[in-house]
Amino acid sequence: MSLDKKFNEYFTALDRAGNKDRCFLCRRSAAEVKAFFGFHEDGTPIDAERYGLEDVVLEPKIDIMSYKGTRPVCAVCQLNFDTIFLAPNGKAVLAKLLRELEQDREGLWSEGDGNP
């Protein structure tokens, strides 16, 4: 993919997301996603010496944020959704959760839990 096309996809996705370069679901930035997977922003591993890692670098071509969908989504959320969808009744559980979030929000919180 040409660099121009990649930039266009990125900026178009930012427009769709209200100019926020964060995951639409969890709100992590690209740097926070890399840290979640154990890498510094430049792609080098965190605590490489501690774990005996040598020559391990997160390749620049590996995307940790997807900008091609309706909204930007990070690799962490994609993994979470993969886990849900692979569960025997994952889609049903997710559908139930979405219904609860939409229709019974107050019922999800105990008193004193800091309900927003």
Protein backbone atom coordinates (compact mmCIF):
# COMPACT_ATOMS: atom_id res chain seq x y z
CA MET A 1 0.00 0.00 0.00
CA SER A 2 1.35 3.40 -0.92
CA LEU A 3 2.27 5.84 1.82
CA ASP A 4 -0.25 8.38 0.45
CA LYS A 5 -3.10 5.87 0.69
CA LYS A 6 -2.11 4.90 4.24
CA PHE A 7 -2.08 8.57 5.30
CA ASN A 8 -5.47 9.11 3.65
CA GLU A 9 -6.95 6.11 5.50
CA TYR A 10 -5.50 7.37 8.77
CA PHE A 11 -6.80 10.92 8.44
CA THR A 12 -10.18 9.77 7.16
CA ALA A 13 -10.48 7.50 10.21
CA LEU A 14 -9.53 10.39 12.49
CA ASP A 15 -12.30 12.47 10.92
CA ARG A 16 -14.78 9.66 11.65
CA ALA A 17 -13.51 9.45 15.24
CA GLY A 18 -13.72 13.17 15.96
CA ASN A 19 -9.96 13.71 15.54
CA LYS A 20 -9.11 11.38 18.42
CA ASP A 21 -6.25 8.96 17.67
CA ARG A 22 -7.49 6.42 20.18
CA CYS A 23 -9.34 3.13 20.07
CA PHE A 24 -13.04 3.85 19.75
CA LEU A 25 -13.85 1.13 22.31
CA CYS A 26 -11.25 1.28 25.08
CA ARG A 27 -9.82 4.75 24.30
CA ARG A 28 -6.20 3.51 24.40
CA SER A 29 -3.67 5.42 22.32
CA ALA A 30 -1.31 3.57 19.98
CA ALA A 31 1.50 3.97 22.54
CA GLU A 32 -0.70 2.48 25.28
CA VAL A 33 -1.55 -0.50 23.06
CA LYS A 34 2.14 -1.12 22.42
CA ALA A 35 2.81 -0.90 26.17
CA PHE A 36 0.00 -3.40 26.81
CA PHE A 37 1.81 -5.88 24.56
CA GLY A 38 5.15 -5.13 26.25
CA PHE A 39 6.75 -2.71 23.81
CA HIS A 40 7.98 0.87 24.00
CA GLU A 41 6.58 3.31 21.47
CA ASP A 42 9.62 2.77 19.21
CA GLY A 43 8.87 -0.97 19.04
CA THR A 44 11.61 -2.20 21.37
CA PRO A 45 10.57 -4.57 24.18
CA ILE A 46 10.03 -3.35 27.72
CA ASP A 47 12.28 -5.17 30.22
CA ALA A 48 14.11 -7.11 27.50
CA GLU A 49 17.07 -7.84 29.78
CA ARG A 50 14.82 -9.07 32.58
CA TYR A 51 13.18 -11.66 30.33
CA GLY A 52 16.27 -12.53 28.31
CA LEU A 53 14.87 -11.21 25.03
CA GLU A 54 17.36 -10.51 22.29
CA ASP A 55 16.71 -8.97 18.90
CA VAL A 56 13.00 -8.67 19.56
CA VAL A 57 11.44 -5.60 17.99
CA LEU A 58 7.84 -4.87 17.05
CA GLU A 59 8.09 -4.36 13.31
CA PRO A 60 6.88 -0.96 12.09
CA LYS A 61 4.69 -2.65 9.48
CA ILE A 62 2.65 -4.41 12.21
CA ASP A 63 -0.50 -2.42 12.80
CA ILE A 64 -1.68 -2.19 16.38
CA MET A 65 -4.53 0.15 15.43
CA SER A 66 -7.03 -0.50 12.65
CA TYR A 67 -8.18 2.60 10.83
CA LYS A 68 -10.10 0.90 8.03
CA GLY A 69 -13.38 0.24 9.87
CA THR A 70 -16.21 2.49 10.95
CA ARG A 71 -14.04 3.74 13.84
CA PRO A 72 -10.44 3.07 14.89
CA VAL A 73 -10.08 -0.16 16.90
CA CYS A 74 -6.95 -1.40 18.66
CA ALA A 75 -5.43 -4.87 18.63
CA VAL A 76 -6.30 -5.37 22.32
CA CYS A 77 -10.03 -4.89 21.68
CA GLN A 78 -9.85 -7.08 18.59
CA LEU A 79 -8.32 -9.87 20.70
CA ASN A 80 -11.03 -9.40 23.33
CA PHE A 81 -13.76 -9.65 20.69
CA ASP A 82 -12.07 -12.71 19.15
CA THR A 83 -12.18 -14.37 22.57
CA ILE A 84 -15.86 -13.54 22.99
CA PHE A 85 -16.78 -14.79 19.51
CA LEU A 86 -14.82 -18.04 19.99
CA ALA A 87 -16.69 -18.85 23.20
CA PRO A 88 -19.51 -21.38 22.70
CA ASN A 89 -22.22 -18.78 23.36
CA GLY A 90 -20.12 -15.64 22.91
CA LYS A 91 -22.43 -13.82 20.51
CA ALA A 92 -25.44 -14.41 22.78
CA VAL A 93 -23.51 -13.15 25.83
CA LEU A 94 -22.38 -10.06 23.94
CA ALA A 95 -25.93 -9.37 22.70
CA LYS A 96 -27.24 -9.70 26.27
CA LEU A 97 -24.55 -7.36 27.58
CA LEU A 98 -25.35 -4.75 24.92
CA ARG A 99 -29.06 -4.95 25.85
CA GLU A 100 -28.19 -4.49 29.53
CA LEU A 101 -25.96 -1.52 28.77
CA GLU A 102 -28.67 0.09 26.70
CA GLN A 103 -31.83 -0.79 28.64
CA ASP A 104 -30.81 -1.59 32.24
CA ARG A 105 -27.78 0.55 32.91
CA GLU A 106 -28.78 1.35 36.49
CA GLY A 107 -29.21 -2.36 37.27
CA LEU A 108 -25.55 -3.04 36.41
CA TRP A 109 -24.26 -0.88 39.26
CA SER A 110 -24.48 -1.45 43.00
CA GLU A 111 -25.18 1.55 45.18
CA GLY A 112 -21.96 3.30 46.08
CA ASP A 113 -19.98 1.80 43.15
CA GLY A 114 -19.36 5.18 41.66
CA ASN A 115 -22.18 4.90 39.13
CA PRO A 116 -21.57 7.65 36.60
